[in-house]
């Protein structure tokens, strides 16, 4: 009987593979959810940072986007 697998050994291998597949599936789900949360937080931080560094009235600018909301860039100053 050398070189042969018993029925019990085959069942054990199938069970172990099933447990590994279930664990991998759970980890992939957690990783996707975590990735989505991290992306949302990063986007929020980027928006807050971009708004915080915009120029106030009278400060230097090159483009309208450099000025805070409601202001435009005129002669390199936000007005």
C-alpha atoms as a PDB file:
ATOM      1  CA  UNK A   1       0.000   0.000   0.000  1.00  0.00           C
ATOM      2  CA  UNK A   2       2.986   2.320  -0.285  1.00  0.00           C
ATOM      3  CA  UNK A   3       2.373   5.367  -2.460  1.00  0.00           C
ATOM      4  CA  UNK A   4      -1.384   5.288  -2.024  1.00  0.00           C
ATOM      5  CA  UNK A   5      -3.509   7.879  -0.250  1.00  0.00           C
ATOM      6  CA  UNK A   6      -6.178   6.708   2.111  1.00  0.00           C
ATOM      7  CA  UNK A   7      -9.694   8.108   1.984  1.00  0.00           C
ATOM      8  CA  UNK A   8      -9.121   9.826   5.329  1.00  0.00           C
ATOM      9  CA  UNK A   9      -6.010  11.555   4.010  1.00  0.00           C
ATOM     10  CA  UNK A  10      -7.875  12.789   0.911  1.00  0.00           C
ATOM     11  CA  UNK A  11     -10.720  14.119   3.064  1.00  0.00           C
ATOM     12  CA  UNK A  12      -8.208  15.882   5.320  1.00  0.00           C
ATOM     13  CA  UNK A  13      -6.478  17.479   2.318  1.00  0.00           C
ATOM     14  CA  UNK A  14      -9.813  18.683   0.908  1.00  0.00           C
ATOM     15  CA  UNK A  15     -10.840  20.152   4.273  1.00  0.00           C
ATOM     16  CA  UNK A  16      -7.507  21.956   4.681  1.00  0.00           C
ATOM     17  CA  UNK A  17      -7.735  23.373   1.153  1.00  0.00           C
ATOM     18  CA  UNK A  18     -11.307  24.534   1.798  1.00  0.00           C
ATOM     19  CA  UNK A  19     -10.257  26.299   5.011  1.00  0.00           C
ATOM     20  CA  UNK A  20      -7.367  27.985   3.194  1.00  0.00           C
ATOM     21  CA  UNK A  21      -9.693  29.102   0.372  1.00  0.00           C
ATOM     22  CA  UNK A  22     -12.230  30.532   2.839  1.00  0.00           C
ATOM     23  CA  UNK A  23      -9.508  32.373   4.772  1.00  0.00           C
ATOM     24  CA  UNK A  24      -8.040  33.793   1.557  1.00  0.00           C
ATOM     25  CA  UNK A  25     -11.480  34.972   0.451  1.00  0.00           C
ATOM     26  CA  UNK A  26     -12.068  36.717   3.781  1.00  0.00           C
ATOM     27  CA  UNK A  27      -8.655  38.389   3.633  1.00  0.00           C
ATOM     28  CA  UNK A  28      -9.278  39.624   0.093  1.00  0.00           C
ATOM     29  CA  UNK A  29     -12.614  41.120   1.159  1.00  0.00           C
ATOM     30  CA  UNK A  30     -10.998  42.870   4.114  1.00  0.00           C
ATOM     31  CA  UNK A  31      -8.174  44.164   1.939  1.00  0.00           C
ATOM     32  CA  UNK A  32     -10.606  45.621  -0.615  1.00  0.00           C
ATOM     33  CA  UNK A  33     -12.662  47.341   2.077  1.00  0.00           C
ATOM     34  CA  UNK A  34      -9.565  48.712   3.783  1.00  0.00           C
ATOM     35  CA  UNK A  35      -8.195  49.952   0.470  1.00  0.00           C
ATOM     36  CA  UNK A  36     -11.457  51.761  -0.242  1.00  0.00           C
ATOM     37  CA  UNK A  37     -11.423  53.397   3.210  1.00  0.00           C
ATOM     38  CA  UNK A  38      -7.812  54.504   2.808  1.00  0.00           C
ATOM     39  CA  UNK A  39      -8.569  55.986  -0.617  1.00  0.00           C
ATOM     40  CA  UNK A  40     -11.559  57.919   0.772  1.00  0.00           C
ATOM     41  CA  UNK A  41      -9.467  59.304   3.635  1.00  0.00           C
ATOM     42  CA  UNK A  42      -6.642  60.254   1.250  1.00  0.00           C
ATOM     43  CA  UNK A  43      -9.061  62.063  -1.057  1.00  0.00           C
ATOM     44  CA  UNK A  44     -10.550  63.951   1.881  1.00  0.00           C
ATOM     45  CA  UNK A  45      -7.104  64.985   3.146  1.00  0.00           C
ATOM     46  CA  UNK A  46      -6.069  66.115  -0.343  1.00  0.00           C
ATOM     47  CA  UNK A  47      -9.173  68.294  -0.665  1.00  0.00           C
ATOM     48  CA  UNK A  48      -8.668  69.829   2.768  1.00  0.00           C
ATOM     49  CA  UNK A  49      -4.989  70.499   2.077  1.00  0.00           C
ATOM     50  CA  UNK A  50      -5.668  72.014  -1.338  1.00  0.00           C
ATOM     51  CA  UNK A  51      -8.253  74.369   0.156  1.00  0.00           C
ATOM     52  CA  UNK A  52      -5.987  75.306   3.076  1.00  0.00           C
ATOM     53  CA  UNK A  53      -3.076  76.400   0.880  1.00  0.00           C
ATOM     54  CA  UNK A  54      -5.098  78.630  -1.446  1.00  0.00           C
ATOM     55  CA  UNK A  55      -4.217  82.326  -1.361  1.00  0.00           C
ATOM     56  CA  UNK A  56      -6.367  84.874   0.442  1.00  0.00           C
ATOM     57  CA  UNK A  57      -7.267  88.301  -0.922  1.00  0.00           C
ATOM     58  CA  UNK A  58      -4.172  90.315  -1.800  1.00  0.00           C
ATOM     59  CA  UNK A  59      -1.842  87.327  -1.735  1.00  0.00           C
ATOM     60  CA  UNK A  60       0.275  86.129  -4.670  1.00  0.00           C
ATOM     61  CA  UNK A  61      -1.258  83.919  -7.368  1.00  0.00           C
ATOM     62  CA  UNK A  62      -0.631  82.830 -10.933  1.00  0.00           C
ATOM     63  CA  UNK A  63      -4.021  81.328 -11.813  1.00  0.00           C
ATOM     64  CA  UNK A  64      -7.601  81.662 -10.569  1.00  0.00           C
ATOM     65  CA  UNK A  65      -7.285  78.167  -9.061  1.00  0.00           C
ATOM     66  CA  UNK A  66      -4.590  79.508  -6.705  1.00  0.00           C
ATOM     67  CA  UNK A  67      -7.118  81.813  -4.997  1.00  0.00           C
ATOM     68  CA  UNK A  68      -9.715  80.935  -2.415  1.00  0.00           C
ATOM     69  CA  UNK A  69     -13.321  80.464  -3.483  1.00  0.00           C
ATOM     70  CA  UNK A  70     -14.955  83.623  -4.792  1.00  0.00           C
ATOM     71  CA  UNK A  71     -11.639  85.282  -5.679  1.00  0.00           C
ATOM     72  CA  UNK A  72      -9.838  85.493  -9.011  1.00  0.00           C
ATOM     73  CA  UNK A  73      -6.213  86.104  -9.939  1.00  0.00           C
ATOM     74  CA  UNK A  74      -5.670  89.625 -11.266  1.00  0.00           C
ATOM     75  CA  UNK A  75      -2.166  90.910 -11.923  1.00  0.00           C
ATOM     76  CA  UNK A  76      -0.677  88.111  -9.783  1.00  0.00           C
ATOM     77  CA  UNK A  77      -2.839  88.998  -6.762  1.00  0.00           C
ATOM     78  CA  UNK A  78      -6.052  87.398  -5.540  1.00  0.00           C
ATOM     79  CA  UNK A  79      -8.920  89.854  -5.699  1.00  0.00           C
END
